[in-house]
Structures are given as structure tokens and as C-alpha cells.
Amino acid sequence: MSVANILLMSLAEVFGDFKYKDFARVGGTGNLVAGSAGYIAVIYFLIKSLKQGNILYVNGMWDGASALIESVAAYLILGEKLNTPNQYIGLLFIIMGLFIVKSGGISR
């Protein structure tokens, strides 16, 4: 399983979430369709990843990468902020967790 699949799955999820947020705020069938397409892409990359890795590994890497990428994108693009320094420390733990899980190699 490549890290590229995890990255693409995470980016597809971020895209879908951003479009669903647009749909929730302003409506528009295009936002709903684009958000749904993002999640269809998530399923595609999830299946590709599961062909080579086990659920525990794939899900851990995906959850961590997705949380990190989406948090950074929401901060930079949408201007969203967290409420406390502890929440930012939590994001640092996510980064450390990704490195620790990845260091063990791909579990099959």
C-alpha cells in the first residue's frame, strides 16, 4: 500500500467535507454532488489501500492524515481556529502518531 493512496483518500475526504460545508451554508445541488463525489473517491482509495494493508493500519493512517490535512486546510483556507492551546497540542500528537504507525511498516 502506498502512502499516496492514504494521501489521496484524505484529500478526497477534505474536498468532500468542504463541499458539504458549502452545501450546508449556501445550498446548491453542485455542492452536494461534488461533496458526494469526494466521498465516492474516498471509497475507491480505501478499497485500493485495503488490498495491501489491514484495516487497523489503513484506518489509523487515514484518520490521522485526514485530521491533520483537514485541520490545516480549515485553518489556512477557511480561517477557522481552535479554542485552546491544548487543542493544537492534540494536533501535534496526531503528527507524532502518524510517524509512529508508519515506522512499523505496513501491516497485512
Protein backbone atom coordinates (compact mmCIF):
# COMPACT_ATOMS: atom_id res chain seq x y z
CA MET A 1 0.00 0.00 0.00
CA SER A 2 1.37 3.35 -0.86
CA VAL A 3 1.26 6.45 1.25
CA ALA A 4 -0.05 8.09 -1.92
CA ASN A 5 -3.34 6.17 -1.59
CA ILE A 6 -3.74 7.36 2.00
CA LEU A 7 -2.93 10.92 0.96
CA LEU A 8 -5.36 10.84 -1.96
CA MET A 9 -8.07 9.33 0.23
CA SER A 10 -7.54 12.07 2.80
CA LEU A 11 -7.58 14.82 0.17
CA ALA A 12 -10.79 13.42 -1.33
CA GLU A 13 -12.36 13.47 2.13
CA VAL A 14 -11.27 17.08 2.70
CA PHE A 15 -12.72 18.08 -0.67
CA GLY A 16 -15.98 16.31 0.14
CA ASP A 17 -16.21 17.92 3.57
CA PHE A 18 -15.54 21.41 2.21
CA LYS A 19 -18.23 20.97 -0.45
CA TYR A 20 -20.71 19.62 2.11
CA LYS A 21 -19.97 22.65 4.28
CA ASP A 22 -20.71 24.91 1.30
CA PHE A 23 -23.92 23.00 0.72
CA ALA A 24 -24.92 23.39 4.37
CA ARG A 25 -24.28 27.15 4.26
CA VAL A 26 -25.50 28.22 0.82
CA GLY A 27 -27.15 25.18 -0.69
CA GLY A 28 -26.70 24.33 -4.33
CA THR A 29 -27.01 20.95 -5.95
CA GLY A 30 -23.48 21.32 -7.33
CA ASN A 31 -22.01 21.44 -3.83
CA LEU A 32 -23.99 18.35 -2.80
CA VAL A 33 -22.92 16.43 -5.90
CA ALA A 34 -19.27 17.50 -5.54
CA GLY A 35 -19.25 16.53 -1.86
CA SER A 36 -20.70 13.14 -2.69
CA ALA A 37 -18.12 12.67 -5.46
CA GLY A 38 -15.40 13.35 -2.91
CA TYR A 39 -16.71 10.56 -0.72
CA ILE A 40 -17.02 8.18 -3.67
CA ALA A 41 -13.31 8.84 -4.27
CA VAL A 42 -12.66 8.06 -0.59
CA ILE A 43 -14.29 4.65 -1.05
CA TYR A 44 -12.22 3.99 -4.18
CA PHE A 45 -8.90 4.77 -2.45
CA LEU A 46 -9.98 2.89 0.69
CA ILE A 47 -10.56 -0.26 -1.35
CA LYS A 48 -7.17 0.16 -3.07
CA SER A 49 -5.48 0.59 0.31
CA LEU A 50 -7.20 -2.41 1.88
CA LYS A 51 -5.90 -4.67 -0.90
CA GLN A 52 -2.41 -4.24 0.55
CA GLY A 53 -2.87 -3.37 4.23
CA ASN A 54 -5.09 -4.40 7.10
CA ILE A 55 -7.98 -2.31 8.39
CA LEU A 56 -6.23 -1.31 11.60
CA TYR A 57 -3.21 0.12 9.76
CA VAL A 58 -5.14 1.73 6.89
CA ASN A 59 -7.74 3.29 9.18
CA GLY A 60 -5.13 4.64 11.60
CA MET A 61 -3.09 6.23 8.84
CA TRP A 62 -6.19 7.60 7.09
CA ASP A 63 -7.74 9.04 10.26
CA GLY A 64 -4.50 10.73 11.25
CA ALA A 65 -3.66 12.08 7.81
CA SER A 66 -7.21 13.24 7.21
CA ALA A 67 -7.44 15.00 10.58
CA LEU A 68 -4.13 16.74 10.01
CA ILE A 69 -4.74 17.77 6.39
CA GLU A 70 -8.29 18.93 7.06
CA SER A 71 -7.27 20.88 10.16
CA VAL A 72 -4.52 22.70 8.28
CA ALA A 73 -6.82 23.38 5.31
CA ALA A 74 -9.61 24.68 7.56
CA TYR A 75 -7.13 26.96 9.33
CA LEU A 76 -5.48 28.30 6.16
CA ILE A 77 -8.40 28.37 3.71
CA LEU A 78 -11.44 28.94 5.91
CA GLY A 79 -9.72 30.85 8.69
CA GLU A 80 -11.11 28.52 11.34
CA LYS A 81 -9.35 28.36 14.69
CA LEU A 82 -9.26 26.06 17.69
CA ASN A 83 -10.22 27.36 21.14
CA THR A 84 -7.27 26.38 23.33
CA PRO A 85 -3.54 25.68 23.06
CA ASN A 86 -4.24 22.13 24.23
CA GLN A 87 -6.18 21.50 21.03
CA TYR A 88 -3.13 22.47 18.97
CA ILE A 89 -1.03 20.15 21.12
CA GLY A 90 -3.52 17.41 20.22
CA LEU A 91 -2.76 18.02 16.55
CA LEU A 92 0.94 17.59 17.30
CA PHE A 93 0.13 14.22 18.87
CA ILE A 94 -1.66 13.23 15.66
CA ILE A 95 1.51 14.03 13.70
CA MET A 96 3.65 12.00 16.11
CA GLY A 97 1.16 9.14 15.93
CA LEU A 98 1.36 9.04 12.14
CA PHE A 99 5.14 8.76 12.26
CA ILE A 100 4.97 6.02 14.90
CA VAL A 101 2.39 3.95 13.00
CA LYS A 102 4.28 4.41 9.71
CA SER A 103 7.60 3.41 11.30
CA GLY A 104 6.33 -0.10 11.92
CA GLY A 105 5.79 -0.78 8.24
CA ILE A 106 2.63 -1.90 6.52
CA SER A 107 0.63 -4.47 8.46
CA ARG A 108 -1.11 -7.07 6.32
